[in-house]
N, C-alpha and C. Protein backbone atom coordinates (compact mmCIF):
# COMPACT_ATOMS: atom_id res chain seq x y z
N MET A 1 0.74 -1.50 -0.30
CA MET A 1 -0.14 0.36 0.48
C MET A 1 0.87 0.98 0.21
N TYR A 2 0.05 2.56 -0.08
CA TYR A 2 0.73 3.53 -0.18
C TYR A 2 1.59 3.76 1.01
N SER A 3 2.24 4.64 1.42
CA SER A 3 2.76 5.16 2.45
C SER A 3 1.79 6.50 3.18
N PHE A 4 1.56 7.10 2.07
CA PHE A 4 1.01 8.44 2.35
C PHE A 4 -0.91 8.47 2.81
N PHE A 5 -0.96 6.76 2.61
CA PHE A 5 -2.46 7.20 3.34
C PHE A 5 -2.48 6.82 4.80
N ASN A 6 -3.25 7.33 5.09
CA ASN A 6 -3.81 7.45 6.70
C ASN A 6 -4.82 6.17 7.09
N TYR A 7 -4.48 4.82 7.45
CA TYR A 7 -5.05 4.07 7.77
C TYR A 7 -6.13 3.56 8.95
N TYR A 8 -7.22 3.33 8.97
CA TYR A 8 -8.15 3.51 9.92
C TYR A 8 -7.17 2.58 11.29
N PRO A 9 -6.43 1.80 11.39
CA PRO A 9 -5.77 1.15 12.77
C PRO A 9 -4.60 2.48 12.81
N LYS A 10 -4.48 3.03 12.40
CA LYS A 10 -3.08 4.22 12.50
C LYS A 10 -4.03 4.88 13.41
N TRP A 11 -5.05 5.34 13.38
CA TRP A 11 -6.03 6.22 13.87
C TRP A 11 -6.47 5.53 15.48
N LEU A 12 -6.57 4.35 15.53
CA LEU A 12 -6.75 3.54 16.51
C LEU A 12 -5.78 3.75 17.72
N GLN A 13 -4.67 3.51 17.02
CA GLN A 13 -3.47 3.15 17.73
C GLN A 13 -2.79 4.77 18.55
N LYS A 14 -3.36 5.72 17.83
CA LYS A 14 -2.99 7.00 18.39
C LYS A 14 -3.92 7.34 19.32
N ALA A 15 -4.62 6.95 19.34
CA ALA A 15 -5.95 6.78 20.36
C ALA A 15 -5.50 5.86 21.54
N GLY A 16 -4.49 5.15 21.41
CA GLY A 16 -4.22 4.13 22.25
C GLY A 16 -4.29 2.82 22.69
N TYR A 17 -5.19 2.34 21.32
CA TYR A 17 -5.45 1.23 21.07
C TYR A 17 -4.40 0.08 20.25
N GLU A 18 -4.51 -1.13 20.47
CA GLU A 18 -3.97 -1.96 19.87
C GLU A 18 -4.88 -2.84 18.76
N THR A 19 -3.79 -2.97 17.62
CA THR A 19 -5.08 -3.34 16.61
C THR A 19 -4.38 -4.59 15.67
N ALA A 20 -4.96 -5.30 15.37
CA ALA A 20 -4.83 -6.55 14.78
C ALA A 20 -5.89 -7.09 14.52
N PHE A 21 -5.24 -8.01 13.05
CA PHE A 21 -5.86 -8.29 11.60
C PHE A 21 -6.15 -9.71 11.84
N ILE A 22 -7.44 -10.37 12.30
CA ILE A 22 -8.25 -11.69 12.57
C ILE A 22 -9.13 -11.96 11.14
N GLY A 23 -8.51 -13.43 10.97
CA GLY A 23 -9.49 -14.14 9.88
C GLY A 23 -8.19 -14.60 8.55
N LYS A 24 -8.80 -15.22 7.57
CA LYS A 24 -8.01 -15.33 6.34
C LYS A 24 -7.58 -14.68 5.64
N TRP A 25 -5.94 -14.50 5.08
CA TRP A 25 -5.23 -13.79 4.37
C TRP A 25 -4.62 -14.60 3.51
N HIS A 26 -5.43 -14.30 2.12
CA HIS A 26 -4.72 -14.83 1.02
C HIS A 26 -3.28 -14.13 0.52
N MET A 27 -2.82 -15.04 1.05
CA MET A 27 -1.29 -14.75 0.00
C MET A 27 -0.49 -15.69 -0.56
N GLY A 28 0.59 -15.49 -1.67
CA GLY A 28 1.26 -15.92 -2.57
C GLY A 28 0.96 -15.89 -3.88
N ASN A 29 -0.25 -14.83 -4.25
CA ASN A 29 -0.29 -14.10 -5.23
C ASN A 29 0.75 -12.72 -5.56
N LYS A 30 1.27 -12.27 -6.32
CA LYS A 30 1.90 -11.01 -6.90
C LYS A 30 1.23 -9.71 -6.21
N THR A 31 0.14 -10.30 -6.41
CA THR A 31 -1.18 -8.97 -6.01
C THR A 31 -1.12 -8.85 -4.28
N ASP A 32 -1.06 -9.58 -3.49
CA ASP A 32 -1.28 -9.77 -2.76
C ASP A 32 -0.02 -8.86 -1.75
N MET A 33 -0.68 -8.24 -0.73
CA MET A 33 0.01 -6.83 0.08
C MET A 33 -0.43 -7.29 1.24
N PRO A 34 0.70 -6.89 1.92
CA PRO A 34 0.33 -6.84 3.67
C PRO A 34 -0.94 -5.54 4.04
N ARG A 35 -1.05 -6.21 5.24
CA ARG A 35 -1.95 -5.27 5.93
C ARG A 35 -1.39 -4.58 6.78
N ASP A 36 -1.47 -3.28 5.97
CA ASP A 36 -0.84 -2.18 6.80
C ASP A 36 -1.56 -1.69 7.76
N GLY A 37 -0.87 -1.15 9.36
CA GLY A 37 -1.26 -0.15 9.99
C GLY A 37 -1.57 -1.63 11.02
N PHE A 38 -2.09 -2.58 10.92
CA PHE A 38 -2.04 -3.29 12.20
C PHE A 38 -0.63 -3.70 13.00
N ASP A 39 -1.27 -3.97 14.64
CA ASP A 39 -0.31 -4.63 15.38
C ASP A 39 0.24 -5.89 15.27
N PHE A 40 -1.20 -6.34 14.93
CA PHE A 40 -1.03 -8.13 15.11
C PHE A 40 -1.37 -8.69 13.75
């Protein structure tokens, strides 16, 4: 993803929350990108 976007998890982190991505994450394709902004 682009680094200039403000991701929702980053807003939560600034408010003192820890964030996580829960669920199936399809990996292996060239178009798959990391879930930017999550702690876990």
